[in-house]
Amino acid sequence: QVQLVESGGGLVQAGGSLRLSCAASERTFRLYNMGWFRQAPGKEREFVARISWSTSNTYYADSVKGRFTISRDNAKNTVYLQMNTLTLADTAVYYCDAENSDHHYWGQGTQVTVSS
């Protein structure tokens, strides 16, 4: 069982930046593809970004491409989401996930609120 704990959310003005962190309990963290999803009020959870375990290739939703950067530090069992140029549309609960061919785990989420 992998436990994921997100942090770094908060209130930020439009145009500002935040960095989310997701710490994993599992020592085999490096074998999981890691990602970020978000869910805004009244909307379905949507994909934001993913980083692969093997090549560290990254993938982004079109809505965040060029503004968000996902990265991982396998030595710290942590994945990050650097969010720049935030807009009101980025307001959501952000969830970290870890997946491989056998398992899929979710964190509890961290709230990001962008104000005008």
PDB file of N, CA and C in Angstrom:
ATOM      1  N   GLN A   1       0.847  -1.185   0.000  1.00  0.00           N
ATOM      2  CA  GLN A   1       0.000   0.000   0.000  1.00  0.00           C
ATOM      3  C   GLN A   1       0.891   1.247   0.000  1.00  0.00           C
ATOM      4  N   VAL A   2       0.678   2.118  -0.966  1.00  0.00           N
ATOM      5  CA  VAL A   2       1.417   3.371  -1.054  1.00  0.00           C
ATOM      6  C   VAL A   2       0.548   4.480  -0.489  1.00  0.00           C
ATOM      7  N   GLN A   3       1.088   5.213   0.446  1.00  0.00           N
ATOM      8  CA  GLN A   3       0.380   6.378   0.967  1.00  0.00           C
ATOM      9  C   GLN A   3       0.973   7.631   0.343  1.00  0.00           C
ATOM     10  N   LEU A   4       0.090   8.508  -0.107  1.00  0.00           N
ATOM     11  CA  LEU A   4       0.502   9.736  -0.777  1.00  0.00           C
ATOM     12  C   LEU A   4      -0.029  10.922   0.013  1.00  0.00           C
ATOM     13  N   VAL A   5       0.835  11.875   0.296  1.00  0.00           N
ATOM     14  CA  VAL A   5       0.438  13.050   1.062  1.00  0.00           C
ATOM     15  C   VAL A   5       0.817  14.301   0.286  1.00  0.00           C
ATOM     16  N   GLU A   6      -0.217  15.027  -0.146  1.00  0.00           N
ATOM     17  CA  GLU A   6       0.011  16.274  -0.882  1.00  0.00           C
ATOM     18  C   GLU A   6       0.161  17.438   0.074  1.00  0.00           C
ATOM     19  N   SER A   7       0.889  18.447  -0.377  1.00  0.00           N
ATOM     20  CA  SER A   7       1.024  19.693   0.385  1.00  0.00           C
ATOM     21  C   SER A   7       1.333  20.809  -0.599  1.00  0.00           C
ATOM     22  N   GLY A   8       1.240  22.040  -0.109  1.00  0.00           N
ATOM     23  CA  GLY A   8       1.611  23.183  -0.925  1.00  0.00           C
ATOM     24  C   GLY A   8       0.452  23.968  -1.497  1.00  0.00           C
ATOM     25  N   GLY A   9      -0.762  23.471  -1.305  1.00  0.00           N
ATOM     26  CA  GLY A   9      -1.911  24.219  -1.799  1.00  0.00           C
ATOM     27  C   GLY A   9      -2.142  25.477  -0.991  1.00  0.00           C
ATOM     28  N   GLY A  10      -3.049  26.291  -1.483  1.00  0.00           N
ATOM     29  CA  GLY A  10      -3.367  27.522  -0.764  1.00  0.00           C
ATOM     30  C   GLY A  10      -4.083  28.507  -1.643  1.00  0.00           C
ATOM     31  N   LEU A  11      -4.096  29.745  -1.185  1.00  0.00           N
ATOM     32  CA  LEU A  11      -4.749  30.847  -1.887  1.00  0.00           C
ATOM     33  C   LEU A  11      -3.684  31.694  -2.574  1.00  0.00           C
ATOM     34  N   VAL A  12      -3.899  31.965  -3.853  1.00  0.00           N
ATOM     35  CA  VAL A  12      -2.936  32.752  -4.619  1.00  0.00           C
ATOM     36  C   VAL A  12      -3.695  33.646  -5.582  1.00  0.00           C
ATOM     37  N   GLN A  13      -3.124  34.788  -5.881  1.00  0.00           N
ATOM     38  CA  GLN A  13      -3.756  35.693  -6.848  1.00  0.00           C
ATOM     39  C   GLN A  13      -3.506  35.216  -8.272  1.00  0.00           C
ATOM     40  N   ALA A  14      -4.409  35.561  -9.138  1.00  0.00           N
ATOM     41  CA  ALA A  14      -4.240  35.229 -10.550  1.00  0.00           C
ATOM     42  C   ALA A  14      -2.908  35.787 -11.047  1.00  0.00           C
ATOM     43  N   GLY A  15      -2.227  34.957 -11.828  1.00  0.00           N
ATOM     44  CA  GLY A  15      -0.897  35.321 -12.306  1.00  0.00           C
ATOM     45  C   GLY A  15       0.225  34.840 -11.421  1.00  0.00           C
ATOM     46  N   GLY A  16      -0.115  34.372 -10.235  1.00  0.00           N
ATOM     47  CA  GLY A  16       0.886  33.914  -9.291  1.00  0.00           C
ATOM     48  C   GLY A  16       1.287  32.478  -9.510  1.00  0.00           C
ATOM     49  N   SER A  17       2.098  31.968  -8.573  1.00  0.00           N
ATOM     50  CA  SER A  17       2.644  30.623  -8.674  1.00  0.00           C
ATOM     51  C   SER A  17       2.478  29.869  -7.365  1.00  0.00           C
ATOM     52  N   LEU A  18       2.419  28.554  -7.486  1.00  0.00           N
ATOM     53  CA  LEU A  18       2.440  27.658  -6.342  1.00  0.00           C
ATOM     54  C   LEU A  18       3.213  26.413  -6.740  1.00  0.00           C
ATOM     55  N   ARG A  19       3.803  25.747  -5.747  1.00  0.00           N
ATOM     56  CA  ARG A  19       4.417  24.457  -5.999  1.00  0.00           C
ATOM     57  C   ARG A  19       3.795  23.430  -5.069  1.00  0.00           C
ATOM     58  N   LEU A  20       3.195  22.432  -5.670  1.00  0.00           N
ATOM     59  CA  LEU A  20       2.618  21.331  -4.911  1.00  0.00           C
ATOM     60  C   LEU A  20       3.650  20.218  -4.764  1.00  0.00           C
ATOM     61  N   SER A  21       3.581  19.551  -3.635  1.00  0.00           N
ATOM     62  CA  SER A  21       4.445  18.394  -3.388  1.00  0.00           C
ATOM     63  C   SER A  21       3.577  17.192  -3.032  1.00  0.00           C
ATOM     64  N   CYS A  22       4.065  16.030  -3.372  1.00  0.00           N
ATOM     65  CA  CYS A  22       3.383  14.783  -3.015  1.00  0.00           C
ATOM     66  C   CYS A  22       4.441  13.809  -2.533  1.00  0.00           C
ATOM     67  N   ALA A  23       4.392  13.491  -1.264  1.00  0.00           N
ATOM     68  CA  ALA A  23       5.361  12.576  -0.668  1.00  0.00           C
ATOM     69  C   ALA A  23       4.760  11.181  -0.589  1.00  0.00           C
ATOM     70  N   ALA A  24       5.514  10.199  -1.041  1.00  0.00           N
ATOM     71  CA  ALA A  24       5.055   8.811  -1.049  1.00  0.00           C
ATOM     72  C   ALA A  24       5.740   8.013   0.043  1.00  0.00           C
ATOM     73  N   SER A  25       4.991   7.070   0.611  1.00  0.00           N
ATOM     74  CA  SER A  25       5.529   6.263   1.705  1.00  0.00           C
ATOM     75  C   SER A  25       6.354   5.089   1.223  1.00  0.00           C
ATOM     76  N   GLU A  26       6.165   4.713  -0.029  1.00  0.00           N
ATOM     77  CA  GLU A  26       6.723   3.476  -0.532  1.00  0.00           C
ATOM     78  C   GLU A  26       8.155   3.658  -1.008  1.00  0.00           C
ATOM     79  N   ARG A  27       9.028   2.751  -0.584  1.00  0.00           N
ATOM     80  CA  ARG A  27      10.427   2.875  -0.987  1.00  0.00           C
ATOM     81  C   ARG A  27      10.634   2.533  -2.447  1.00  0.00           C
ATOM     82  N   THR A  28       9.635   1.875  -3.060  1.00  0.00           N
ATOM     83  CA  THR A  28       9.729   1.588  -4.492  1.00  0.00           C
ATOM     84  C   THR A  28       9.041   2.668  -5.313  1.00  0.00           C
ATOM     85  N   PHE A  29       8.922   3.844  -4.727  1.00  0.00           N
ATOM     86  CA  PHE A  29       8.318   5.000  -5.400  1.00  0.00           C
ATOM     87  C   PHE A  29       8.824   5.157  -6.823  1.00  0.00           C
ATOM     88  N   ARG A  30      10.117   4.890  -7.003  1.00  0.00           N
ATOM     89  CA  ARG A  30      10.736   5.148  -8.310  1.00  0.00           C
ATOM     90  C   ARG A  30      10.160   4.249  -9.400  1.00  0.00           C
ATOM     91  N   LEU A  31       9.415   3.209  -9.019  1.00  0.00           N
ATOM     92  CA  LEU A  31       8.851   2.282  -9.997  1.00  0.00           C
ATOM     93  C   LEU A  31       7.431   2.643 -10.415  1.00  0.00           C
ATOM     94  N   TYR A  32       6.921   3.739  -9.855  1.00  0.00           N
ATOM     95  CA  TYR A  32       5.563   4.145 -10.171  1.00  0.00           C
ATOM     96  C   TYR A  32       5.557   5.344 -11.115  1.00  0.00           C
ATOM     97  N   ASN A  33       4.640   5.330 -12.048  1.00  0.00           N
ATOM     98  CA  ASN A  33       4.322   6.541 -12.782  1.00  0.00           C
ATOM     99  C   ASN A  33       3.546   7.453 -11.828  1.00  0.00           C
ATOM    100  N   MET A  34       3.924   8.704 -11.779  1.00  0.00           N
ATOM    101  CA  MET A  34       3.290   9.635 -10.857  1.00  0.00           C
ATOM    102  C   MET A  34       2.548  10.709 -11.633  1.00  0.00           C
ATOM    103  N   GLY A  35       1.462  11.190 -11.044  1.00  0.00           N
ATOM    104  CA  GLY A  35       0.690  12.188 -11.757  1.00  0.00           C
ATOM    105  C   GLY A  35      -0.080  13.105 -10.842  1.00  0.00           C
ATOM    106  N   TRP A  36      -0.661  14.112 -11.474  1.00  0.00           N
ATOM    107  CA  TRP A  36      -1.533  15.068 -10.788  1.00  0.00           C
ATOM    108  C   TRP A  36      -2.849  15.153 -11.551  1.00  0.00           C
ATOM    109  N   PHE A  37      -3.921  15.164 -10.802  1.00  0.00           N
ATOM    110  CA  PHE A  37      -5.263  15.387 -11.317  1.00  0.00           C
ATOM    111  C   PHE A  37      -5.871  16.524 -10.505  1.00  0.00           C
ATOM    112  N   ARG A  38      -6.980  17.060 -10.994  1.00  0.00           N
ATOM    113  CA  ARG A  38      -7.674  18.097 -10.229  1.00  0.00           C
ATOM    114  C   ARG A  38      -9.170  17.966 -10.427  1.00  0.00           C
ATOM    115  N   GLN A  39      -9.887  18.459  -9.437  1.00  0.00           N
ATOM    116  CA  GLN A  39     -11.341  18.429  -9.501  1.00  0.00           C
ATOM    117  C   GLN A  39     -11.886  19.745  -8.988  1.00  0.00           C
ATOM    118  N   ALA A  40     -12.545  20.464  -9.878  1.00  0.00           N
ATOM    119  CA  ALA A  40     -13.183  21.725  -9.523  1.00  0.00           C
ATOM    120  C   ALA A  40     -14.607  21.449  -9.051  1.00  0.00           C
ATOM    121  N   PRO A  41     -15.201  22.358  -8.283  1.00  0.00           N
ATOM    122  CA  PRO A  41     -16.563  22.145  -7.791  1.00  0.00           C
ATOM    123  C   PRO A  41     -17.530  21.893  -8.932  1.00  0.00           C
ATOM    124  N   GLY A  42     -18.305  20.826  -8.815  1.00  0.00           N
ATOM    125  CA  GLY A  42     -19.314  20.512  -9.814  1.00  0.00           C
ATOM    126  C   GLY A  42     -18.778  19.890 -11.085  1.00  0.00           C
ATOM    127  N   LYS A  43     -17.476  19.592 -11.109  1.00  0.00           N
ATOM    128  CA  LYS A  43     -16.880  19.017 -12.315  1.00  0.00           C
ATOM    129  C   LYS A  43     -16.236  17.676 -11.994  1.00  0.00           C
ATOM    130  N   GLU A  44     -15.980  16.913 -13.037  1.00  0.00           N
ATOM    131  CA  GLU A  44     -15.312  15.640 -12.872  1.00  0.00           C
ATOM    132  C   GLU A  44     -13.803  15.850 -12.674  1.00  0.00           C
ATOM    133  N   ARG A  45     -13.195  14.862 -12.048  1.00  0.00           N
ATOM    134  CA  ARG A  45     -11.757  14.903 -11.884  1.00  0.00           C
ATOM    135  C   ARG A  45     -11.095  14.834 -13.265  1.00  0.00           C
ATOM    136  N   GLU A  46     -10.077  15.662 -13.482  1.00  0.00           N
ATOM    137  CA  GLU A  46      -9.428  15.693 -14.783  1.00  0.00           C
ATOM    138  C   GLU A  46      -7.914  15.558 -14.648  1.00  0.00           C
ATOM    139  N   PHE A  47      -7.325  14.996 -15.672  1.00  0.00           N
ATOM    140  CA  PHE A  47      -5.881  14.814 -15.739  1.00  0.00           C
ATOM    141  C   PHE A  47      -5.194  16.171 -15.870  1.00  0.00           C
ATOM    142  N   VAL A  48      -4.058  16.307 -15.159  1.00  0.00           N
ATOM    143  CA  VAL A  48      -3.260  17.523 -15.255  1.00  0.00           C
ATOM    144  C   VAL A  48      -1.882  17.212 -15.845  1.00  0.00           C
ATOM    145  N   ALA A  49      -1.174  16.276 -15.214  1.00  0.00           N
ATOM    146  CA  ALA A  49       0.192  15.990 -15.657  1.00  0.00           C
ATOM    147  C   ALA A  49       0.618  14.620 -15.164  1.00  0.00           C
ATOM    148  N   ARG A  50       1.578  14.028 -15.863  1.00  0.00           N
ATOM    149  CA  ARG A  50       2.130  12.733 -15.458  1.00  0.00           C
ATOM    150  C   ARG A  50       3.604  12.690 -15.794  1.00  0.00           C
ATOM    151  N   ILE A  51       4.351  11.944 -14.969  1.00  0.00           N
ATOM    152  CA  ILE A  51       5.765  11.705 -15.218  1.00  0.00           C
ATOM    153  C   ILE A  51       6.013  10.207 -15.068  1.00  0.00           C
ATOM    154  N   SER A  52       6.665   9.633 -16.055  1.00  0.00           N
ATOM    155  CA  SER A  52       6.851   8.187 -16.065  1.00  0.00           C
ATOM    156  C   SER A  52       7.966   7.773 -15.117  1.00  0.00           C
ATOM    157  N   TRP A  53       7.905   6.496 -14.692  1.00  0.00           N
ATOM    158  CA  TRP A  53       8.907   6.024 -13.734  1.00  0.00           C
ATOM    159  C   TRP A  53      10.219   5.706 -14.410  1.00  0.00           C
ATOM    160  N   SER A  54      10.157   5.269 -15.665  1.00  0.00           N
ATOM    161  CA  SER A  54      11.355   4.716 -16.294  1.00  0.00           C
ATOM    162  C   SER A  54      12.189   5.775 -17.004  1.00  0.00           C
ATOM    163  N   THR A  55      11.528   6.662 -17.702  1.00  0.00           N
ATOM    164  CA  THR A  55      12.255   7.626 -18.532  1.00  0.00           C
ATOM    165  C   THR A  55      12.086   9.053 -18.046  1.00  0.00           C
ATOM    166  N   SER A  56      11.193   9.234 -17.055  1.00  0.00           N
ATOM    167  CA  SER A  56      10.833  10.570 -16.602  1.00  0.00           C
ATOM    168  C   SER A  56      10.258  11.424 -17.732  1.00  0.00           C
ATOM    169  N   ASN A  57       9.691  10.765 -18.733  1.00  0.00           N
ATOM    170  CA  ASN A  57       8.940  11.527 -19.732  1.00  0.00           C
ATOM    171  C   ASN A  57       7.741  12.191 -19.054  1.00  0.00           C
ATOM    172  N   THR A  58       7.391  13.355 -19.545  1.00  0.00           N
ATOM    173  CA  THR A  58       6.291  14.101 -18.947  1.00  0.00           C
ATOM    174  C   THR A  58       5.173  14.325 -19.950  1.00  0.00           C
ATOM    175  N   TYR A  59       3.968  14.411 -19.427  1.00  0.00           N
ATOM    176  CA  TYR A  59       2.771  14.603 -20.237  1.00  0.00           C
ATOM    177  C   TYR A  59       1.881  15.618 -19.532  1.00  0.00           C
ATOM    178  N   TYR A  60       1.218  16.470 -20.309  1.00  0.00           N
ATOM    179  CA  TYR A  60       0.414  17.532 -19.731  1.00  0.00           C
ATOM    180  C   TYR A  60      -0.928  17.656 -20.442  1.00  0.00           C
ATOM    181  N   ALA A  61      -1.916  18.085 -19.682  1.00  0.00           N
ATOM    182  CA  ALA A  61      -3.172  18.495 -20.293  1.00  0.00           C
ATOM    183  C   ALA A  61      -2.921  19.779 -21.074  1.00  0.00           C
ATOM    184  N   ASP A  62      -3.662  19.939 -22.146  1.00  0.00           N
ATOM    185  CA  ASP A  62      -3.474  21.132 -22.985  1.00  0.00           C
ATOM    186  C   ASP A  62      -3.695  22.410 -22.183  1.00  0.00           C
ATOM    187  N   SER A  63      -4.585  22.355 -21.216  1.00  0.00           N
ATOM    188  CA  SER A  63      -4.944  23.553 -20.459  1.00  0.00           C
ATOM    189  C   SER A  63      -3.809  24.061 -19.569  1.00  0.00           C
ATOM    190  N   VAL A  64      -2.822  23.202 -19.281  1.00  0.00           N
ATOM    191  CA  VAL A  64      -1.742  23.630 -18.390  1.00  0.00           C
ATOM    192  C   VAL A  64      -0.380  23.618 -19.073  1.00  0.00           C
ATOM    193  N   LYS A  65      -0.346  23.145 -20.297  1.00  0.00           N
ATOM    194  CA  LYS A  65       0.918  23.038 -21.006  1.00  0.00           C
ATOM    195  C   LYS A  65       1.587  24.410 -21.124  1.00  0.00           C
ATOM    196  N   GLY A  66       2.864  24.454 -20.790  1.00  0.00           N
ATOM    197  CA  GLY A  66       3.593  25.712 -20.848  1.00  0.00           C
ATOM    198  C   GLY A  66       3.530  26.521 -19.559  1.00  0.00           C
ATOM    199  N   ARG A  67       2.621  26.144 -18.651  1.00  0.00           N
ATOM    200  CA  ARG A  67       2.490  26.865 -17.374  1.00  0.00           C
ATOM    201  C   ARG A  67       2.862  25.985 -16.178  1.00  0.00           C
ATOM    202  N   PHE A  68       2.566  24.692 -16.277  1.00  0.00           N
ATOM    203  CA  PHE A  68       2.829  23.759 -15.182  1.00  0.00           C
ATOM    204  C   PHE A  68       3.999  22.846 -15.558  1.00  0.00           C
ATOM    205  N   THR A  69       4.753  22.457 -14.535  1.00  0.00           N
ATOM    206  CA  THR A  69       5.869  21.537 -14.730  1.00  0.00           C
ATOM    207  C   THR A  69       5.833  20.463 -13.650  1.00  0.00           C
ATOM    208  N   ILE A  70       5.809  19.212 -14.080  1.00  0.00           N
ATOM    209  CA  ILE A  70       5.862  18.092 -13.148  1.00  0.00           C
ATOM    210  C   ILE A  70       7.296  17.578 -13.090  1.00  0.00           C
ATOM    211  N   SER A  71       7.726  17.218 -11.891  1.00  0.00           N
ATOM    212  CA  SER A  71       9.068  16.670 -11.722  1.00  0.00           C
ATOM    213  C   SER A  71       9.047  15.696 -10.554  1.00  0.00           C
ATOM    214  N   ARG A  72      10.092  14.912 -10.445  1.00  0.00           N
ATOM    215  CA  ARG A  72      10.149  13.946  -9.347  1.00  0.00           C
ATOM    216  C   ARG A  72      11.566  13.861  -8.798  1.00  0.00           C
ATOM    217  N   ASP A  73      11.640  13.564  -7.516  1.00  0.00           N
ATOM    218  CA  ASP A  73      12.917  13.339  -6.850  1.00  0.00           C
ATOM    219  C   ASP A  73      12.817  11.950  -6.215  1.00  0.00           C
ATOM    220  N   ASN A  74      13.382  10.964  -6.879  1.00  0.00           N
ATOM    221  CA  ASN A  74      13.246   9.597  -6.393  1.00  0.00           C
ATOM    222  C   ASN A  74      13.962   9.383  -5.060  1.00  0.00           C
ATOM    223  N   ALA A  75      14.981  10.150  -4.808  1.00  0.00           N
ATOM    224  CA  ALA A  75      15.701  10.021  -3.534  1.00  0.00           C
ATOM    225  C   ALA A  75      14.834  10.477  -2.361  1.00  0.00           C
ATOM    226  N   LYS A  76      13.899  11.379  -2.642  1.00  0.00           N
ATOM    227  CA  LYS A  76      13.012  11.896  -1.593  1.00  0.00           C
ATOM    228  C   LYS A  76      11.612  11.311  -1.680  1.00  0.00           C
ATOM    229  N   ASN A  77      11.393  10.377  -2.619  1.00  0.00           N
ATOM    230  CA  ASN A  77      10.052   9.798  -2.803  1.00  0.00           C
ATOM    231  C   ASN A  77       8.996  10.885  -2.980  1.00  0.00           C
ATOM    232  N   THR A  78       9.313  11.897  -3.750  1.00  0.00           N
ATOM    233  CA  THR A  78       8.431  13.051  -3.866  1.00  0.00           C
ATOM    234  C   THR A  78       8.264  13.461  -5.325  1.00  0.00           C
ATOM    235  N   VAL A  79       7.051  13.830  -5.660  1.00  0.00           N
ATOM    236  CA  VAL A  79       6.760  14.396  -6.971  1.00  0.00           C
ATOM    237  C   VAL A  79       6.240  15.814  -6.752  1.00  0.00           C
ATOM    238  N   TYR A  80       6.569  16.696  -7.667  1.00  0.00           N
ATOM    239  CA  TYR A  80       6.226  18.104  -7.548  1.00  0.00           C
ATOM    240  C   TYR A  80       5.385  18.551  -8.744  1.00  0.00           C
ATOM    241  N   LEU A  81       4.620  19.589  -8.517  1.00  0.00           N
ATOM    242  CA  LEU A  81       3.916  20.260  -9.600  1.00  0.00           C
ATOM    243  C   LEU A  81       4.134  21.761  -9.423  1.00  0.00           C
ATOM    244  N   GLN A  82       4.971  22.316 -10.264  1.00  0.00           N
ATOM    245  CA  GLN A  82       5.195  23.766 -10.268  1.00  0.00           C
ATOM    246  C   GLN A  82       4.136  24.394 -11.150  1.00  0.00           C
ATOM    247  N   MET A  83       3.371  25.298 -10.576  1.00  0.00           N
ATOM    248  CA  MET A  83       2.269  25.931 -11.295  1.00  0.00           C
ATOM    249  C   MET A  83       2.529  27.416 -11.397  1.00  0.00           C
ATOM    250  N   ASN A  84       2.657  27.903 -12.623  1.00  0.00           N
ATOM    251  CA  ASN A  84       2.909  29.317 -12.869  1.00  0.00           C
ATOM    252  C   ASN A  84       1.753  29.932 -13.640  1.00  0.00           C
ATOM    253  N   THR A  85       1.691  31.234 -13.599  1.00  0.00           N
ATOM    254  CA  THR A  85       0.673  31.991 -14.326  1.00  0.00           C
ATOM    255  C   THR A  85      -0.713  31.407 -14.059  1.00  0.00           C
ATOM    256  N   LEU A  86      -1.034  31.261 -12.820  1.00  0.00           N
ATOM    257  CA  LEU A  86      -2.307  30.647 -12.435  1.00  0.00           C
ATOM    258  C   LEU A  86      -3.477  31.535 -12.809  1.00  0.00           C
ATOM    259  N   THR A  87      -4.561  30.899 -13.199  1.00  0.00           N
ATOM    260  CA  THR A  87      -5.795  31.590 -13.555  1.00  0.00           C
ATOM    261  C   THR A  87      -6.932  31.082 -12.667  1.00  0.00           C
ATOM    262  N   LEU A  88      -8.053  31.779 -12.714  1.00  0.00           N
ATOM    263  CA  LEU A  88      -9.217  31.384 -11.922  1.00  0.00           C
ATOM    264  C   LEU A  88      -9.635  29.950 -12.257  1.00  0.00           C
ATOM    265  N   ALA A  89      -9.431  29.558 -13.517  1.00  0.00           N
ATOM    266  CA  ALA A  89      -9.841  28.222 -13.962  1.00  0.00           C
ATOM    267  C   ALA A  89      -8.993  27.119 -13.334  1.00  0.00           C
ATOM    268  N   ASP A  90      -7.889  27.481 -12.715  1.00  0.00           N
ATOM    269  CA  ASP A  90      -7.039  26.474 -12.067  1.00  0.00           C
ATOM    270  C   ASP A  90      -7.502  26.150 -10.648  1.00  0.00           C
ATOM    271  N   THR A  91      -8.494  26.864 -10.157  1.00  0.00           N
ATOM    272  CA  THR A  91      -9.024  26.594  -8.819  1.00  0.00           C
ATOM    273  C   THR A  91      -9.634  25.195  -8.770  1.00  0.00           C
ATOM    274  N   ALA A  92      -9.152  24.380  -7.847  1.00  0.00           N
ATOM    275  CA  ALA A  92      -9.611  22.991  -7.744  1.00  0.00           C
ATOM    276  C   ALA A  92      -8.911  22.326  -6.565  1.00  0.00           C
ATOM    277  N   VAL A  93      -9.379  21.146  -6.247  1.00  0.00           N
ATOM    278  CA  VAL A  93      -8.622  20.263  -5.361  1.00  0.00           C
ATOM    279  C   VAL A  93      -7.682  19.449  -6.241  1.00  0.00           C
ATOM    280  N   TYR A  94      -6.410  19.450  -5.895  1.00  0.00           N
ATOM    281  CA  TYR A  94      -5.404  18.758  -6.686  1.00  0.00           C
ATOM    282  C   TYR A  94      -5.019  17.450  -5.984  1.00  0.00           C
ATOM    283  N   TYR A  95      -5.045  16.379  -6.756  1.00  0.00           N
ATOM    284  CA  TYR A  95      -4.756  15.051  -6.242  1.00  0.00           C
ATOM    285  C   TYR A  95      -3.515  14.478  -6.914  1.00  0.00           C
ATOM    286  N   CYS A  96      -2.715  13.851  -6.115  1.00  0.00           N
ATOM    287  CA  CYS A  96      -1.555  13.119  -6.603  1.00  0.00           C
ATOM    288  C   CYS A  96      -1.955  11.652  -6.790  1.00  0.00           C
ATOM    289  N   ASP A  97      -1.397  11.016  -7.827  1.00  0.00           N
ATOM    290  CA  ASP A  97      -1.643   9.584  -7.961  1.00  0.00           C
ATOM    291  C   ASP A  97      -0.355   8.849  -8.306  1.00  0.00           C
ATOM    292  N   ALA A  98      -0.357   7.575  -7.984  1.00  0.00           N
ATOM    293  CA  ALA A  98       0.772   6.698  -8.283  1.00  0.00           C
ATOM    294  C   ALA A  98       0.221   5.440  -8.926  1.00  0.00           C
ATOM    295  N   GLU A  99       0.783   5.042 -10.044  1.00  0.00           N
ATOM    296  CA  GLU A  99       0.254   3.866 -10.715  1.00  0.00           C
ATOM    297  C   GLU A  99       1.387   3.026 -11.299  1.00  0.00           C
ATOM    298  N   ASN A 100       1.120   1.702 -11.334  1.00  0.00           N
ATOM    299  CA  ASN A 100       1.921   0.800 -12.139  1.00  0.00           C
ATOM    300  C   ASN A 100       0.954  -0.231 -12.712  1.00  0.00           C
ATOM    301  N   SER A 101       1.454  -1.307 -13.236  1.00  0.00           N
ATOM    302  CA  SER A 101       0.585  -2.276 -13.907  1.00  0.00           C
ATOM    303  C   SER A 101      -0.343  -2.995 -12.929  1.00  0.00           C
ATOM    304  N   ASP A 102      -0.027  -2.948 -11.651  1.00  0.00           N
ATOM    305  CA  ASP A 102      -0.806  -3.705 -10.668  1.00  0.00           C
ATOM    306  C   ASP A 102      -1.645  -2.843  -9.737  1.00  0.00           C
ATOM    307  N   HIS A 103      -1.237  -1.616  -9.499  1.00  0.00           N
ATOM    308  CA  HIS A 103      -1.884  -0.808  -8.473  1.00  0.00           C
ATOM    309  C   HIS A 103      -2.080   0.633  -8.920  1.00  0.00           C
ATOM    310  N   HIS A 104      -3.031   1.278  -8.259  1.00  0.00           N
ATOM    311  CA  HIS A 104      -3.286   2.693  -8.503  1.00  0.00           C
ATOM    312  C   HIS A 104      -3.679   3.317  -7.175  1.00  0.00           C
ATOM    313  N   TYR A 105      -2.939   4.313  -6.730  1.00  0.00           N
ATOM    314  CA  TYR A 105      -3.169   4.944  -5.444  1.00  0.00           C
ATOM    315  C   TYR A 105      -3.423   6.436  -5.627  1.00  0.00           C
ATOM    316  N   TRP A 106      -4.187   6.987  -4.668  1.00  0.00           N
ATOM    317  CA  TRP A 106      -4.523   8.419  -4.687  1.00  0.00           C
ATOM    318  C   TRP A 106      -4.174   9.046  -3.350  1.00  0.00           C
ATOM    319  N   GLY A 107      -3.792  10.308  -3.411  1.00  0.00           N
ATOM    320  CA  GLY A 107      -3.654  11.087  -2.199  1.00  0.00           C
ATOM    321  C   GLY A 107      -4.992  11.676  -1.791  1.00  0.00           C
ATOM    322  N   GLN A 108      -4.979  12.410  -0.691  1.00  0.00           N
ATOM    323  CA  GLN A 108      -6.230  12.956  -0.152  1.00  0.00           C
ATOM    324  C   GLN A 108      -6.602  14.297  -0.772  1.00  0.00           C
ATOM    325  N   GLY A 109      -5.671  14.909  -1.477  1.00  0.00           N
ATOM    326  CA  GLY A 109      -5.952  16.157  -2.166  1.00  0.00           C
ATOM    327  C   GLY A 109      -5.510  17.382  -1.394  1.00  0.00           C
ATOM    328  N   THR A 110      -5.220  18.446  -2.140  1.00  0.00           N
ATOM    329  CA  THR A 110      -4.874  19.732  -1.538  1.00  0.00           C
ATOM    330  C   THR A 110      -5.582  20.829  -2.337  1.00  0.00           C
ATOM    331  N   GLN A 111      -6.155  21.771  -1.631  1.00  0.00           N
ATOM    332  CA  GLN A 111      -6.959  22.812  -2.270  1.00  0.00           C
ATOM    333  C   GLN A 111      -6.071  23.919  -2.819  1.00  0.00           C
ATOM    334  N   VAL A 112      -6.331  24.275  -4.069  1.00  0.00           N
ATOM    335  CA  VAL A 112      -5.704  25.439  -4.690  1.00  0.00           C
ATOM    336  C   VAL A 112      -6.811  26.409  -5.078  1.00  0.00           C
ATOM    337  N   THR A 113      -6.739  27.613  -4.577  1.00  0.00           N
ATOM    338  CA  THR A 113      -7.730  28.631  -4.880  1.00  0.00           C
ATOM    339  C   THR A 113      -7.027  29.846  -5.473  1.00  0.00           C
ATOM    340  N   VAL A 114      -7.456  30.207  -6.675  1.00  0.00           N
ATOM    341  CA  VAL A 114      -6.887  31.364  -7.365  1.00  0.00           C
ATOM    342  C   VAL A 114      -7.908  32.491  -7.312  1.00  0.00           C
ATOM    343  N   SER A 115      -7.486  33.634  -6.810  1.00  0.00           N
ATOM    344  CA  SER A 115      -8.389  34.779  -6.674  1.00  0.00           C
ATOM    345  C   SER A 115      -8.038  35.859  -7.678  1.00  0.00           C
ATOM    346  N   SER A 116      -9.040  36.664  -7.998  1.00  0.00           N
ATOM    347  CA  SER A 116      -8.825  37.741  -8.979  1.00  0.00           C
ATOM    348  C   SER A 116      -8.290  39.000  -8.319  1.00  0.00           C
TER     349      SER A 116
END
